[in-house]
C-alpha atoms as a PDB file:
ATOM      1  CA  MET A   1     169.807 -60.239 201.959  1.00  0.00           C
ATOM      2  CA  VAL A   2     171.053 -63.546 200.984  1.00  0.00           C
ATOM      3  CA  ARG A   3     174.774 -64.222 201.336  1.00  0.00           C
ATOM      4  CA  SER A   4     176.981 -66.992 199.919  1.00  0.00           C
ATOM      5  CA  HIS A   5     177.946 -69.520 202.701  1.00  0.00           C
ATOM      6  CA  ARG A   6     181.065 -69.824 201.263  1.00  0.00           C
ATOM      7  CA  LEU A   7     181.919 -66.232 202.220  1.00  0.00           C
ATOM      8  CA  ARG A   8     180.465 -66.122 205.591  1.00  0.00           C
ATOM      9  CA  GLY A   9     182.894 -65.515 208.207  1.00  0.00           C
ATOM     10  CA  ARG A  10     185.577 -64.865 205.439  1.00  0.00           C
ATOM     11  CA  THR A  11     186.983 -61.336 207.143  1.00  0.00           C
ATOM     12  CA  ASP A  12     190.369 -62.090 205.821  1.00  0.00           C
ATOM     13  CA  LEU A  13     188.989 -61.402 202.421  1.00  0.00           C
ATOM     14  CA  VAL A  14     188.815 -57.542 203.217  1.00  0.00           C
ATOM     15  CA  PRO A  15     192.375 -56.813 204.305  1.00  0.00           C
ATOM     16  CA  ALA A  16     193.471 -58.761 200.945  1.00  0.00           C
ATOM     17  CA  GLY A  17     190.986 -56.769 198.749  1.00  0.00           C
ATOM     18  CA  VAL A  18     191.926 -53.348 200.305  1.00  0.00           C
ATOM     19  CA  ARG A  19     195.706 -54.354 199.335  1.00  0.00           C
ATOM     20  CA  ALA A  20     194.715 -55.462 195.730  1.00  0.00           C
ATOM     21  CA  ARG A  21     192.872 -52.420 195.287  1.00  0.00           C
ATOM     22  CA  ARG A  22     195.915 -50.231 196.557  1.00  0.00           C
ATOM     23  CA  ALA A  23     198.209 -52.000 194.268  1.00  0.00           C
ATOM     24  CA  ALA A  24     196.121 -51.315 191.437  1.00  0.00           C
ATOM     25  CA  GLY A  25     195.965 -47.926 192.079  1.00  0.00           C
ATOM     26  CA  ALA A  26     199.508 -47.363 192.627  1.00  0.00           C
ATOM     27  CA  ARG A  27     200.188 -48.910 189.188  1.00  0.00           C
ATOM     28  CA  GLN A  28     197.548 -46.739 187.649  1.00  0.00           C
ATOM     29  CA  GLU A  29     199.218 -43.802 189.149  1.00  0.00           C
ATOM     30  CA  HIS A  30     202.514 -44.808 187.969  1.00  0.00           C
ATOM     31  CA  CYS A  31     201.204 -44.944 184.381  1.00  0.00           C
ATOM     32  CA  ALA A  32     198.747 -41.895 184.309  1.00  0.00           C
ATOM     33  CA  ARG A  33     200.581 -39.149 186.330  1.00  0.00           C
ATOM     34  CA  PRO A  34     203.507 -38.559 184.081  1.00  0.00           C
ATOM     35  CA  ALA A  35     201.365 -37.587 181.110  1.00  0.00           C
ATOM     36  CA  PRO A  36     197.774 -36.746 181.514  1.00  0.00           C
ATOM     37  CA  ASP A  37     197.794 -34.960 178.179  1.00  0.00           C
ATOM     38  CA  TYR A  38     199.314 -37.458 176.285  1.00  0.00           C
ATOM     39  CA  LEU A  39     197.727 -37.611 172.932  1.00  0.00           C
ATOM     40  CA  GLY A  40     196.951 -40.704 170.832  1.00  0.00           C
ATOM     41  CA  ARG A  41     194.203 -41.610 168.153  1.00  0.00           C
ATOM     42  CA  ILE A  42     191.639 -44.242 168.657  1.00  0.00           C
ATOM     43  CA  PRO A  43     192.342 -46.893 166.162  1.00  0.00           C
ATOM     44  CA  ASP A  44     188.704 -48.542 165.078  1.00  0.00           C
ATOM     45  CA  GLY A  45     185.414 -48.641 165.829  1.00  0.00           C
ATOM     46  CA  PRO A  46     182.771 -45.644 165.379  1.00  0.00           C
ATOM     47  CA  MET A  47     185.346 -43.086 166.647  1.00  0.00           C
ATOM     48  CA  ALA A  48     188.186 -44.376 164.528  1.00  0.00           C
ATOM     49  CA  GLY A  49     190.967 -41.817 163.953  1.00  0.00           C
ATOM     50  CA  VAL A  50     189.714 -39.294 166.348  1.00  0.00           C
ATOM     51  CA  GLU A  51     192.497 -37.865 168.416  1.00  0.00           C
ATOM     52  CA  VAL A  52     191.795 -37.955 172.330  1.00  0.00           C
ATOM     53  CA  SER A  53     194.104 -37.708 175.352  1.00  0.00           C
ATOM     54  CA  LEU A  54     195.055 -40.079 178.074  1.00  0.00           C
ATOM     55  CA  ARG A  55     192.816 -37.908 180.553  1.00  0.00           C
ATOM     56  CA  TRP A  56     189.850 -38.171 178.031  1.00  0.00           C
ATOM     57  CA  VAL A  57     190.461 -42.124 178.067  1.00  0.00           C
ATOM     58  CA  LEU A  58     190.588 -42.295 181.761  1.00  0.00           C
ATOM     59  CA  ILE A  59     187.444 -40.145 182.389  1.00  0.00           C
ATOM     60  CA  HIS A  60     185.471 -42.375 179.835  1.00  0.00           C
ATOM     61  CA  MET A  61     186.503 -45.597 181.463  1.00  0.00           C
ATOM     62  CA  VAL A  62     185.201 -44.149 185.000  1.00  0.00           C
ATOM     63  CA  GLU A  63     181.801 -43.261 183.207  1.00  0.00           C
ATOM     64  CA  GLU A  64     181.279 -46.796 181.805  1.00  0.00           C
ATOM     65  CA  TYR A  65     182.468 -48.557 185.075  1.00  0.00           C
ATOM     66  CA  ALA A  66     179.692 -46.415 186.619  1.00  0.00           C
ATOM     67  CA  ARG A  67     177.209 -47.346 184.138  1.00  0.00           C
ATOM     68  CA  HIS A  68     177.964 -50.789 184.289  1.00  0.00           C
ATOM     69  CA  ASN A  69     177.798 -50.759 188.286  1.00  0.00           C
ATOM     70  CA  SER A  70     173.954 -49.392 187.627  1.00  0.00           C
ATOM     71  CA  HIS A  71     173.186 -52.007 185.236  1.00  0.00           C
ATOM     72  CA  ALA A  72     174.154 -54.807 187.980  1.00  0.00           C
ATOM     73  CA  ASP A  73     172.712 -52.827 190.717  1.00  0.00           C
ATOM     74  CA  ILE A  74     169.332 -52.644 188.927  1.00  0.00           C
ATOM     75  CA  LEU A  75     169.890 -56.807 188.207  1.00  0.00           C
ATOM     76  CA  ARG A  76     170.645 -57.355 191.535  1.00  0.00           C
ATOM     77  CA  GLU A  77     167.632 -55.453 192.760  1.00  0.00           C
ATOM     78  CA  SER A  78     165.240 -57.064 190.430  1.00  0.00           C
ATOM     79  CA  ILE A  79     166.568 -60.734 191.944  1.00  0.00           C
ATOM     80  CA  ASP A  80     166.702 -59.977 195.428  1.00  0.00           C
ATOM     81  CA  GLY A  81     164.327 -56.805 195.643  1.00  0.00           C
ATOM     82  CA  MET A  82     166.180 -54.787 197.988  1.00  0.00           C
ATOM     83  CA  THR A  83     166.936 -51.194 197.138  1.00  0.00           C
ATOM     84  CA  GLY A  84     169.387 -48.812 198.032  1.00  0.00           C
ATOM     85  CA  ALA A  85     171.850 -51.304 199.225  1.00  0.00           C
END
């Protein structure tokens, strides 16, 4: 596995990354918890005018995130040849 020489030994980055992720999660909880069934309309695009809930938007975002991670994994595998990493 190829590792960047700039990150080698940077164990200080792990706790900072965990703290940043927890802070982002807390902000998401603060915004989404009170109104998961809040309804709104999609303003433009192929689904313009469709009424959706905040729950639908969040699930859609998780799906898109997973899809893009899969694409990035395929690209990484084609570059370094490692699978399942």
